[in-house]
Amino acid sequence: QVQLVASGGGLVQFGGSLRLSCTASGFTLTYRGVAWFRQGPGKEREGISCISSRDGTIYYADSVKGRFTVSRDNAKSTMYLQMNSLKPEDTAVYYCATARGLNSGSYNCLRGATYDSWGQGTQVTVSS
């Protein structure tokens, strides 16, 4: 069965850190573009970080740049999102996603329609 399973969410205080993980089963992440999205209460889904399958270029949304770090371990078929200096506005359900096709360029890399496999989401809540 092909699926992505996200984990690592939880409740954290303002300024704290969390690391999200997303593990693929039934397929490998190698050669796939990967990305993290989030959807906060009453907000649209936002692409926050991604890794291009073409050349490994990493993109971040301005809202998380300098605080979040995306990485991947192809041998473990796992991608990560290290989140530091968390703020209440980071509260959201976080989703991982992968793309069989190219996700090159910042627009395509952070665009939800680029991706064909999605994790179930993990809740991150930041208290003030």
N, C-alpha and C. Protein backbone atom coordinates (compact mmCIF):
# COMPACT_ATOMS: atom_id res chain seq x y z
N GLN A 1 0.85 -1.19 0.00
CA GLN A 1 0.00 0.00 0.00
C GLN A 1 0.88 1.24 0.00
N VAL A 2 0.58 2.16 -0.90
CA VAL A 2 1.35 3.38 -1.03
C VAL A 2 0.79 4.44 -0.09
N GLN A 3 1.63 4.93 0.81
CA GLN A 3 1.14 5.98 1.68
C GLN A 3 2.29 6.76 2.29
N LEU A 4 1.94 7.97 2.75
CA LEU A 4 2.85 8.82 3.49
C LEU A 4 2.28 8.97 4.89
N VAL A 5 3.12 8.80 5.89
CA VAL A 5 2.67 8.92 7.26
C VAL A 5 3.48 10.01 7.96
N ALA A 6 2.77 11.05 8.37
CA ALA A 6 3.42 12.17 9.04
C ALA A 6 3.30 12.01 10.55
N SER A 7 4.30 12.48 11.26
CA SER A 7 4.30 12.41 12.71
C SER A 7 5.13 13.55 13.28
N GLY A 8 5.04 13.74 14.59
CA GLY A 8 5.88 14.73 15.26
C GLY A 8 5.17 15.99 15.69
N GLY A 9 3.91 16.13 15.33
CA GLY A 9 3.18 17.31 15.75
C GLY A 9 2.88 17.28 17.24
N GLY A 10 2.36 18.39 17.73
CA GLY A 10 2.02 18.46 19.14
C GLY A 10 1.82 19.88 19.59
N LEU A 11 1.77 20.05 20.90
CA LEU A 11 1.59 21.35 21.52
C LEU A 11 2.95 21.86 22.01
N VAL A 12 3.27 23.07 21.65
CA VAL A 12 4.56 23.64 22.04
C VAL A 12 4.35 25.11 22.40
N GLN A 13 5.19 25.64 23.25
CA GLN A 13 5.08 27.04 23.65
C GLN A 13 5.76 27.95 22.63
N PHE A 14 5.37 29.21 22.68
CA PHE A 14 5.98 30.23 21.82
C PHE A 14 7.51 30.16 21.96
N GLY A 15 8.18 30.15 20.82
CA GLY A 15 9.64 30.09 20.82
C GLY A 15 10.21 28.68 20.84
N GLY A 16 9.36 27.68 20.99
CA GLY A 16 9.83 26.31 21.06
C GLY A 16 10.11 25.71 19.69
N SER A 17 10.44 24.42 19.72
CA SER A 17 10.81 23.71 18.49
C SER A 17 10.08 22.38 18.39
N LEU A 18 9.90 21.95 17.18
CA LEU A 18 9.36 20.62 16.89
C LEU A 18 10.02 20.12 15.62
N ARG A 19 10.10 18.80 15.48
CA ARG A 19 10.57 18.22 14.23
C ARG A 19 9.50 17.27 13.71
N LEU A 20 9.03 17.56 12.54
CA LEU A 20 8.07 16.69 11.89
C LEU A 20 8.80 15.68 11.00
N SER A 21 8.24 14.49 10.93
CA SER A 21 8.77 13.46 10.05
C SER A 21 7.65 12.97 9.14
N CYS A 22 8.04 12.49 7.99
CA CYS A 22 7.07 11.93 7.05
C CYS A 22 7.74 10.77 6.34
N THR A 23 7.21 9.58 6.55
CA THR A 23 7.82 8.38 6.00
C THR A 23 6.93 7.78 4.92
N ALA A 24 7.55 7.45 3.82
CA ALA A 24 6.84 6.83 2.71
C ALA A 24 6.90 5.31 2.82
N SER A 25 5.79 4.68 2.54
CA SER A 25 5.78 3.22 2.47
C SER A 25 5.13 2.81 1.16
N GLY A 26 5.67 1.73 0.59
CA GLY A 26 5.16 1.28 -0.68
C GLY A 26 5.82 1.93 -1.87
N PHE A 27 6.65 2.94 -1.62
CA PHE A 27 7.40 3.58 -2.69
C PHE A 27 8.59 4.28 -2.07
N THR A 28 9.54 4.67 -2.90
CA THR A 28 10.72 5.36 -2.42
C THR A 28 10.63 6.85 -2.73
N LEU A 29 11.26 7.64 -1.87
CA LEU A 29 11.29 9.09 -2.10
C LEU A 29 12.38 9.51 -3.09
N THR A 30 13.27 8.58 -3.37
CA THR A 30 14.37 8.89 -4.28
C THR A 30 13.81 9.38 -5.62
N TYR A 31 14.37 10.45 -6.13
CA TYR A 31 14.00 11.07 -7.41
C TYR A 31 12.67 11.80 -7.36
N ARG A 32 12.01 11.80 -6.21
CA ARG A 32 10.75 12.53 -6.08
C ARG A 32 10.98 13.89 -5.44
N GLY A 33 10.21 14.87 -5.91
CA GLY A 33 10.17 16.13 -5.20
C GLY A 33 9.36 15.96 -3.93
N VAL A 34 9.73 16.69 -2.89
CA VAL A 34 9.01 16.59 -1.63
C VAL A 34 8.69 17.99 -1.11
N ALA A 35 7.66 18.08 -0.32
CA ALA A 35 7.24 19.39 0.18
C ALA A 35 6.44 19.25 1.46
N TRP A 36 6.39 20.34 2.17
CA TRP A 36 5.54 20.48 3.36
C TRP A 36 4.55 21.62 3.12
N PHE A 37 3.31 21.37 3.49
CA PHE A 37 2.26 22.36 3.43
C PHE A 37 1.63 22.48 4.81
N ARG A 38 0.87 23.53 4.99
CA ARG A 38 0.12 23.66 6.24
C ARG A 38 -1.19 24.39 5.96
N GLN A 39 -2.14 24.13 6.82
CA GLN A 39 -3.42 24.84 6.74
C GLN A 39 -3.85 25.22 8.14
N GLY A 40 -3.83 26.51 8.40
CA GLY A 40 -4.24 27.01 9.69
C GLY A 40 -5.74 27.19 9.77
N PRO A 41 -6.27 27.39 10.96
CA PRO A 41 -7.72 27.56 11.11
C PRO A 41 -8.23 28.76 10.33
N GLY A 42 -9.19 28.51 9.46
CA GLY A 42 -9.76 29.58 8.65
C GLY A 42 -8.87 30.08 7.54
N LYS A 43 -7.78 29.38 7.27
CA LYS A 43 -6.84 29.83 6.24
C LYS A 43 -6.76 28.84 5.09
N GLU A 44 -6.24 29.31 3.98
CA GLU A 44 -6.00 28.41 2.85
C GLU A 44 -4.71 27.61 3.08
N ARG A 45 -4.62 26.50 2.37
CA ARG A 45 -3.40 25.70 2.44
C ARG A 45 -2.22 26.50 1.89
N GLU A 46 -1.11 26.40 2.57
CA GLU A 46 0.09 27.18 2.22
C GLU A 46 1.27 26.25 2.04
N GLY A 47 1.96 26.37 0.93
CA GLY A 47 3.20 25.65 0.73
C GLY A 47 4.29 26.35 1.50
N ILE A 48 5.00 25.65 2.38
CA ILE A 48 5.98 26.31 3.24
C ILE A 48 7.41 25.91 2.95
N SER A 49 7.63 24.72 2.43
CA SER A 49 9.00 24.31 2.14
C SER A 49 8.99 23.14 1.18
N CYS A 50 10.02 23.06 0.35
CA CYS A 50 10.08 21.97 -0.61
C CYS A 50 11.52 21.75 -1.08
N ILE A 51 11.72 20.57 -1.65
CA ILE A 51 13.01 20.23 -2.24
C ILE A 51 12.76 19.82 -3.68
N SER A 52 13.42 20.50 -4.59
CA SER A 52 13.24 20.20 -6.00
C SER A 52 13.84 18.84 -6.36
N SER A 53 13.12 18.08 -7.17
CA SER A 53 13.62 16.78 -7.60
C SER A 53 14.70 16.93 -8.66
N ARG A 54 14.73 18.06 -9.34
CA ARG A 54 15.69 18.25 -10.44
C ARG A 54 17.10 18.42 -9.92
N ASP A 55 17.27 19.33 -8.94
CA ASP A 55 18.63 19.65 -8.51
C ASP A 55 18.77 19.81 -7.01
N GLY A 56 17.72 19.48 -6.28
CA GLY A 56 17.81 19.56 -4.82
C GLY A 56 17.67 20.96 -4.27
N THR A 57 17.33 21.93 -5.10
CA THR A 57 17.13 23.28 -4.59
C THR A 57 16.02 23.29 -3.56
N ILE A 58 16.24 24.03 -2.50
CA ILE A 58 15.27 24.12 -1.42
C ILE A 58 14.62 25.51 -1.44
N TYR A 59 13.32 25.51 -1.28
CA TYR A 59 12.57 26.76 -1.24
C TYR A 59 11.80 26.84 0.07
N TYR A 60 11.64 28.05 0.56
CA TYR A 60 10.85 28.30 1.75
C TYR A 60 9.89 29.46 1.50
N ALA A 61 8.72 29.36 2.09
CA ALA A 61 7.83 30.52 2.11
C ALA A 61 8.44 31.58 3.02
N ASP A 62 8.15 32.83 2.72
CA ASP A 62 8.70 33.92 3.54
C ASP A 62 8.29 33.79 5.00
N SER A 63 7.12 33.21 5.23
CA SER A 63 6.59 33.12 6.59
C SER A 63 7.42 32.21 7.49
N VAL A 64 8.22 31.33 6.91
CA VAL A 64 9.00 30.39 7.72
C VAL A 64 10.50 30.47 7.47
N LYS A 65 10.90 31.28 6.52
CA LYS A 65 12.31 31.38 6.15
C LYS A 65 13.15 31.79 7.36
N GLY A 66 14.24 31.08 7.56
CA GLY A 66 15.13 31.37 8.68
C GLY A 66 14.76 30.65 9.96
N ARG A 67 13.58 30.06 10.00
CA ARG A 67 13.13 29.35 11.21
C ARG A 67 12.93 27.86 10.97
N PHE A 68 12.53 27.49 9.77
CA PHE A 68 12.25 26.09 9.44
C PHE A 68 13.34 25.56 8.51
N THR A 69 13.61 24.26 8.64
CA THR A 69 14.58 23.60 7.78
C THR A 69 14.01 22.28 7.30
N VAL A 70 14.01 22.10 5.99
CA VAL A 70 13.53 20.85 5.41
C VAL A 70 14.73 19.99 5.05
N SER A 71 14.55 18.67 5.18
CA SER A 71 15.60 17.75 4.79
C SER A 71 14.97 16.42 4.41
N ARG A 72 15.78 15.55 3.86
CA ARG A 72 15.29 14.24 3.47
C ARG A 72 16.38 13.20 3.66
N ASP A 73 15.96 11.97 3.90
CA ASP A 73 16.87 10.83 3.99
C ASP A 73 16.29 9.78 3.07
N ASN A 74 16.82 9.71 1.86
CA ASN A 74 16.27 8.79 0.87
C ASN A 74 16.40 7.33 1.31
N ALA A 75 17.47 7.02 2.02
CA ALA A 75 17.68 5.64 2.47
C ALA A 75 16.57 5.20 3.43
N LYS A 76 16.02 6.16 4.16
CA LYS A 76 14.94 5.86 5.10
C LYS A 76 13.57 6.21 4.52
N SER A 77 13.56 6.72 3.28
CA SER A 77 12.30 7.17 2.66
C SER A 77 11.55 8.12 3.58
N THR A 78 12.30 9.02 4.17
CA THR A 78 11.72 9.93 5.16
C THR A 78 12.15 11.36 4.86
N MET A 79 11.23 12.27 5.04
CA MET A 79 11.51 13.70 4.95
C MET A 79 11.22 14.33 6.30
N TYR A 80 11.87 15.44 6.55
CA TYR A 80 11.76 16.08 7.86
C TYR A 80 11.49 17.57 7.71
N LEU A 81 10.90 18.13 8.75
CA LEU A 81 10.75 19.58 8.84
C LEU A 81 11.11 19.98 10.26
N GLN A 82 12.27 20.59 10.42
CA GLN A 82 12.68 21.10 11.70
C GLN A 82 12.12 22.51 11.85
N MET A 83 11.36 22.73 12.90
CA MET A 83 10.70 24.02 13.11
C MET A 83 11.21 24.63 14.41
N ASN A 84 11.84 25.78 14.29
CA ASN A 84 12.37 26.49 15.45
C ASN A 84 11.68 27.84 15.59
N SER A 85 11.84 28.44 16.75
CA SER A 85 11.28 29.76 17.02
C SER A 85 9.81 29.82 16.62
N LEU A 86 9.06 28.85 17.07
CA LEU A 86 7.66 28.74 16.68
C LEU A 86 6.83 29.87 17.27
N LYS A 87 5.84 30.28 16.48
CA LYS A 87 4.95 31.37 16.86
C LYS A 87 3.50 30.86 16.84
N PRO A 88 2.61 31.54 17.54
CA PRO A 88 1.20 31.11 17.50
C PRO A 88 0.64 31.04 16.08
N GLU A 89 1.11 31.90 15.20
CA GLU A 89 0.60 31.88 13.82
C GLU A 89 1.09 30.68 13.02
N ASP A 90 1.98 29.88 13.60
CA ASP A 90 2.40 28.63 12.97
C ASP A 90 1.42 27.49 13.27
N THR A 91 0.46 27.75 14.13
CA THR A 91 -0.54 26.74 14.46
C THR A 91 -1.30 26.33 13.21
N ALA A 92 -1.28 25.04 12.91
CA ALA A 92 -1.89 24.53 11.68
C ALA A 92 -1.80 23.02 11.66
N VAL A 93 -2.50 22.44 10.71
CA VAL A 93 -2.27 21.04 10.37
C VAL A 93 -1.21 21.03 9.28
N TYR A 94 -0.18 20.24 9.49
CA TYR A 94 0.95 20.19 8.57
C TYR A 94 0.87 18.90 7.75
N TYR A 95 1.07 19.05 6.45
CA TYR A 95 0.98 17.94 5.52
C TYR A 95 2.28 17.79 4.76
N CYS A 96 2.68 16.54 4.54
CA CYS A 96 3.80 16.27 3.65
C CYS A 96 3.24 15.81 2.31
N ALA A 97 4.03 15.99 1.28
CA ALA A 97 3.58 15.62 -0.06
C ALA A 97 4.77 15.28 -0.93
N THR A 98 4.55 14.42 -1.92
CA THR A 98 5.60 14.09 -2.87
C THR A 98 5.04 14.17 -4.29
N ALA A 99 5.96 14.35 -5.24
CA ALA A 99 5.58 14.47 -6.63
C ALA A 99 6.42 13.52 -7.49
N ARG A 100 5.76 12.76 -8.36
CA ARG A 100 6.50 11.93 -9.31
C ARG A 100 7.09 12.79 -10.42
N GLY A 101 6.39 13.86 -10.75
CA GLY A 101 6.86 14.75 -11.80
C GLY A 101 7.81 15.79 -11.22
N LEU A 102 8.29 16.66 -12.10
CA LEU A 102 9.20 17.71 -11.67
C LEU A 102 8.48 18.74 -10.82
N ASN A 103 9.19 19.25 -9.84
CA ASN A 103 8.65 20.33 -9.02
C ASN A 103 9.66 21.48 -8.99
N SER A 104 10.20 21.78 -10.15
CA SER A 104 11.25 22.79 -10.24
C SER A 104 10.69 24.20 -10.18
N GLY A 105 11.50 25.11 -9.67
CA GLY A 105 11.10 26.51 -9.57
C GLY A 105 10.24 26.73 -8.34
N SER A 106 10.36 27.90 -7.77
CA SER A 106 9.67 28.16 -6.51
C SER A 106 8.16 28.06 -6.64
N TYR A 107 7.61 28.52 -7.78
CA TYR A 107 6.16 28.48 -7.93
C TYR A 107 5.64 27.05 -7.93
N ASN A 108 6.21 26.20 -8.77
CA ASN A 108 5.75 24.81 -8.84
C ASN A 108 6.10 24.04 -7.57
N CYS A 109 7.24 24.35 -7.00
CA CYS A 109 7.71 23.60 -5.83
C CYS A 109 6.79 23.81 -4.63
N LEU A 110 6.23 25.02 -4.49
CA LEU A 110 5.38 25.32 -3.34
C LEU A 110 3.89 25.30 -3.69
N ARG A 111 3.55 24.72 -4.82
CA ARG A 111 2.18 24.69 -5.30
C ARG A 111 1.57 23.32 -5.05
N GLY A 112 0.43 23.27 -4.41
CA GLY A 112 -0.18 22.01 -4.04
C GLY A 112 -0.49 21.11 -5.21
N ALA A 113 -0.90 21.68 -6.32
CA ALA A 113 -1.30 20.89 -7.48
C ALA A 113 -0.14 20.13 -8.10
N THR A 114 1.09 20.48 -7.74
CA THR A 114 2.27 19.77 -8.26
C THR A 114 2.37 18.36 -7.70
N TYR A 115 1.78 18.11 -6.55
CA TYR A 115 2.02 16.89 -5.80
C TYR A 115 0.88 15.88 -5.93
N ASP A 116 1.26 14.59 -5.98
CA ASP A 116 0.27 13.56 -6.20
C ASP A 116 0.08 12.61 -5.03
N SER A 117 0.94 12.69 -4.04
CA SER A 117 0.78 11.85 -2.84
C SER A 117 0.86 12.75 -1.61
N TRP A 118 -0.07 12.52 -0.69
CA TRP A 118 -0.18 13.38 0.49
C TRP A 118 -0.25 12.55 1.76
N GLY A 119 0.37 13.04 2.81
CA GLY A 119 0.23 12.44 4.11
C GLY A 119 -1.08 12.86 4.76
N GLN A 120 -1.35 12.28 5.91
CA GLN A 120 -2.65 12.49 6.56
C GLN A 120 -2.72 13.78 7.36
N GLY A 121 -1.59 14.42 7.58
CA GLY A 121 -1.59 15.66 8.36
C GLY A 121 -1.27 15.40 9.82
N THR A 122 -0.55 16.34 10.41
CA THR A 122 -0.25 16.27 11.83
C THR A 122 -0.44 17.67 12.41
N GLN A 123 -1.12 17.74 13.55
CA GLN A 123 -1.48 19.02 14.15
C GLN A 123 -0.31 19.62 14.92
N VAL A 124 -0.04 20.89 14.66
CA VAL A 124 0.94 21.64 15.43
C VAL A 124 0.21 22.82 16.06
N THR A 125 0.31 22.94 17.38
CA THR A 125 -0.33 24.03 18.09
C THR A 125 0.73 24.76 18.91
N VAL A 126 0.81 26.07 18.70
CA VAL A 126 1.79 26.88 19.41
C VAL A 126 1.04 27.82 20.34
N SER A 127 1.31 27.70 21.62
CA SER A 127 0.64 28.55 22.61
C SER A 127 1.46 29.81 22.87
N SER A 128 0.76 30.88 23.17
CA SER A 128 1.44 32.16 23.40
C SER A 128 1.79 32.35 24.86
